[in-house]
């Protein structure tokens, strides 16, 4: 696998080694040993999957400490624009984001460490999205910032005035009104 560093430390894009022939393709979607050697030492404990249609936006979510989560995400059907926003108080990249298109064709994965809000917009008719987490989900630890916050400068590549959001996601605060539970010293994983 190839690890591509982004403009924000700790957030990386992973491109797997793809083997293709007349039968189709094969790739290793996760190797604990290789991930620890090339990215970070981590143990994932939960896998999740969602299916969404065009125009759905999910996020920008995080889990509050002590239940914070790092995530390794990928799109196995369709295409999404996936985004990580730095919400660590005192971070030189606070409020900045990294966006990457994840598709069933490019097989890319995106690693989002703790201290980041995460979300995506569905660009295809349907998208199936999978993610590994290094901590179990706790509903009482749910947090978020508004996925439609224009101050973040995210080009979602869909008409956001027609986006499909959950009721919960419409109630998240803007970044300027947000009191982050993370600071620059939070362990990223």
Protein backbone atom coordinates (compact mmCIF):
# COMPACT_ATOMS: atom_id res chain seq x y z
CA UNK A 1 0.00 0.00 0.00
CA UNK A 2 1.06 3.56 -0.64
CA UNK A 3 0.50 6.13 2.11
CA UNK A 4 -0.06 9.71 0.93
CA UNK A 5 0.46 12.41 3.55
CA UNK A 6 -1.94 15.35 3.47
CA UNK A 7 -1.56 19.00 4.51
CA UNK A 8 -2.75 18.07 8.04
CA UNK A 9 -0.47 15.87 10.11
CA UNK A 10 -1.96 12.48 10.96
CA UNK A 11 -4.58 12.52 8.19
CA UNK A 12 -3.51 10.22 5.35
CA UNK A 13 -4.83 8.73 2.12
CA UNK A 14 -4.06 5.09 1.46
CA UNK A 15 -3.85 3.58 -2.00
CA UNK A 16 -3.80 -0.21 -2.03
CA UNK A 17 -1.68 -2.32 -4.35
CA UNK A 18 -4.17 -3.59 -6.94
CA UNK A 19 -3.64 -6.80 -8.90
CA UNK A 20 -5.73 -7.02 -12.09
CA UNK A 21 -6.13 -9.67 -14.76
CA UNK A 22 -8.85 -11.09 -17.02
CA UNK A 23 -10.76 -12.38 -13.97
CA UNK A 24 -11.01 -8.96 -12.30
CA UNK A 25 -8.92 -7.62 -9.45
CA UNK A 26 -7.61 -8.43 -5.99
CA UNK A 27 -6.22 -6.20 -3.26
CA UNK A 28 -5.56 -6.42 0.44
CA UNK A 29 -7.97 -3.95 2.02
CA UNK A 30 -6.30 -4.05 5.42
CA UNK A 31 -3.15 -5.48 6.96
CA UNK A 32 -2.59 -4.78 10.64
CA UNK A 33 1.18 -5.22 10.26
CA UNK A 34 1.52 -2.97 7.21
CA UNK A 35 -0.81 -0.32 8.65
CA UNK A 36 1.24 -0.17 11.86
CA UNK A 37 4.51 0.01 9.91
CA UNK A 38 3.40 2.72 7.49
CA UNK A 39 0.70 4.72 9.32
CA UNK A 40 0.27 4.25 13.10
CA UNK A 41 0.11 1.48 15.66
CA UNK A 42 -3.61 0.98 16.15
CA UNK A 43 -6.17 -1.69 16.91
CA UNK A 44 -9.54 -1.42 15.21
CA UNK A 45 -12.43 -2.86 17.23
CA UNK A 46 -15.55 -2.11 15.19
CA UNK A 47 -16.52 -2.17 11.50
CA UNK A 48 -19.53 -0.20 10.21
CA UNK A 49 -21.28 0.14 6.86
CA UNK A 50 -23.83 2.60 5.51
CA UNK A 51 -25.73 2.86 2.24
CA UNK A 52 -26.88 6.26 0.99
CA UNK A 53 -28.28 7.80 -2.17
CA UNK A 54 -27.13 10.84 -4.16
CA UNK A 55 -27.25 14.08 -2.21
CA UNK A 56 -27.02 12.51 1.24
CA UNK A 57 -24.55 14.25 3.54
CA UNK A 58 -23.46 12.58 6.77
CA UNK A 59 -21.49 14.41 9.44
CA UNK A 60 -19.50 16.20 10.52
CA UNK A 61 -19.31 13.71 13.42
CA UNK A 62 -16.95 12.76 16.20
CA UNK A 63 -17.06 10.92 19.52
CA UNK A 64 -16.16 12.90 22.67
CA UNK A 65 -13.35 11.66 24.94
CA UNK A 66 -12.91 9.18 26.49
CA UNK A 67 -14.72 7.48 23.60
CA UNK A 68 -12.94 9.36 20.79
CA UNK A 69 -12.40 7.34 17.62
CA UNK A 70 -9.89 7.15 14.83
CA UNK A 71 -11.44 5.87 11.59
CA UNK A 72 -10.23 4.14 8.45
CA UNK A 73 -12.89 4.67 5.78
CA UNK A 74 -13.57 3.60 2.21
CA UNK A 75 -16.32 3.58 -0.39
CA UNK A 76 -17.00 0.09 -1.80
CA UNK A 77 -19.79 1.09 -4.18
CA UNK A 78 -20.31 4.43 -5.88
CA UNK A 79 -18.46 7.62 -4.94
CA UNK A 80 -18.29 10.00 -2.00
CA UNK A 81 -16.42 13.16 -1.13
CA UNK A 82 -14.97 12.39 2.29
CA UNK A 83 -13.81 15.15 4.64
CA UNK A 84 -11.85 15.42 7.90
CA UNK A 85 -11.90 18.75 9.81
CA UNK A 86 -9.33 19.51 12.51
CA UNK A 87 -11.22 20.43 15.70
CA UNK A 88 -8.27 20.35 18.14
CA UNK A 89 -8.09 23.63 20.08
CA UNK A 90 -4.64 25.19 19.73
CA UNK A 91 -3.83 23.24 16.58
CA UNK A 92 -2.15 25.29 13.83
CA UNK A 93 -4.61 23.66 11.42
CA UNK A 94 -7.75 24.16 13.58
CA UNK A 95 -10.83 24.49 11.35
CA UNK A 96 -8.95 23.36 8.25
CA UNK A 97 -10.00 20.29 6.32
CA UNK A 98 -8.76 17.58 4.01
CA UNK A 99 -11.14 16.29 1.33
CA UNK A 100 -10.67 13.21 -0.82
CA UNK A 101 -12.88 11.45 -3.35
CA UNK A 102 -13.30 7.81 -2.46
CA UNK A 103 -14.75 5.55 -5.14
CA UNK A 104 -15.24 1.90 -5.93
CA UNK A 105 -12.83 2.44 -8.84
CA UNK A 106 -9.93 4.11 -7.03
CA UNK A 107 -10.14 1.83 -3.93
CA UNK A 108 -8.64 4.62 -1.82
CA UNK A 109 -8.97 4.67 1.94
CA UNK A 110 -8.83 7.66 4.24
CA UNK A 111 -7.49 7.66 7.80
CA UNK A 112 -9.07 10.19 10.16
CA UNK A 113 -7.43 10.42 13.60
CA UNK A 114 -9.05 11.40 16.88
CA UNK A 115 -9.58 15.14 17.25
CA UNK A 116 -11.17 15.48 13.82
CA UNK A 117 -14.79 15.79 12.74
CA UNK A 118 -15.65 13.51 9.83
CA UNK A 119 -18.32 13.53 7.15
CA UNK A 120 -19.09 12.78 3.54
CA UNK A 121 -21.37 13.67 0.64
CA UNK A 122 -22.64 11.05 -1.81
CA UNK A 123 -21.68 11.91 -5.40
CA UNK A 124 -23.10 8.81 -7.15
CA UNK A 125 -26.64 7.41 -7.42
CA UNK A 126 -25.89 5.10 -4.48
CA UNK A 127 -22.85 4.71 -2.26
CA UNK A 128 -21.90 1.96 0.16
CA UNK A 129 -19.45 3.27 2.74
CA UNK A 130 -17.39 1.23 5.21
CA UNK A 131 -15.32 2.30 8.16
CA UNK A 132 -13.19 0.76 10.87
CA UNK A 133 -13.07 2.42 14.30
CA UNK A 134 -10.48 2.06 17.06
CA UNK A 135 -13.04 2.61 19.83
CA UNK A 136 -16.58 1.35 20.29
CA UNK A 137 -19.49 3.67 19.51
CA UNK A 138 -21.17 5.33 22.51
CA UNK A 139 -24.36 7.31 21.70
CA UNK A 140 -23.89 9.57 24.72
CA UNK A 141 -20.50 10.67 23.32
CA UNK A 142 -21.90 11.83 19.95
CA UNK A 143 -20.77 15.24 18.82
CA UNK A 144 -20.68 17.22 15.62
CA UNK A 145 -20.24 20.50 13.82
CA UNK A 146 -22.45 21.70 10.99
CA UNK A 147 -21.69 20.01 7.71
CA UNK A 148 -23.12 23.10 5.98
CA UNK A 149 -20.85 25.60 7.78
CA UNK A 150 -19.64 27.81 4.91
CA UNK A 151 -16.73 29.11 7.03
CA UNK A 152 -15.07 25.70 6.59
CA UNK A 153 -14.69 26.37 2.85
CA UNK A 154 -15.61 22.83 1.80
CA UNK A 155 -16.70 22.36 -1.82
CA UNK A 156 -19.03 19.40 -1.38
CA UNK A 157 -19.52 19.05 -5.15
CA UNK A 158 -23.28 18.66 -4.75
CA UNK A 159 -26.01 21.31 -4.41
CA UNK A 160 -26.05 21.69 -0.62
CA UNK A 161 -29.38 23.54 -0.67
CA UNK A 162 -30.93 20.21 -1.77
CA UNK A 163 -28.79 17.97 0.44
CA UNK A 164 -30.43 15.20 2.45
CA UNK A 165 -29.41 15.40 6.13
CA UNK A 166 -30.60 13.65 9.26
CA UNK A 167 -32.47 15.73 11.82
CA UNK A 168 -29.51 15.30 14.18
CA UNK A 169 -27.06 16.67 11.59
CA UNK A 170 -29.15 19.81 11.03
CA UNK A 171 -28.74 20.73 14.72
CA UNK A 172 -24.92 20.70 14.97
CA UNK A 173 -23.34 24.10 15.75
CA UNK A 174 -21.21 26.16 13.42
CA UNK A 175 -17.48 26.01 14.10
CA UNK A 176 -17.50 29.55 15.56
CA UNK A 177 -20.11 28.47 18.15
CA UNK A 178 -18.41 25.19 18.95
CA UNK A 179 -16.50 24.38 22.14
CA UNK A 180 -14.23 21.51 21.17
CA UNK A 181 -13.61 18.73 23.69
CA UNK A 182 -10.19 18.17 22.05
CA UNK A 183 -6.96 20.12 22.25
CA UNK A 184 -3.67 19.94 20.38
CA UNK A 185 -2.38 17.39 22.91
CA UNK A 186 -5.08 14.77 22.23
CA UNK A 187 -3.54 11.42 21.22
CA UNK A 188 -4.46 10.98 17.55
CA UNK A 189 -5.04 7.25 17.95
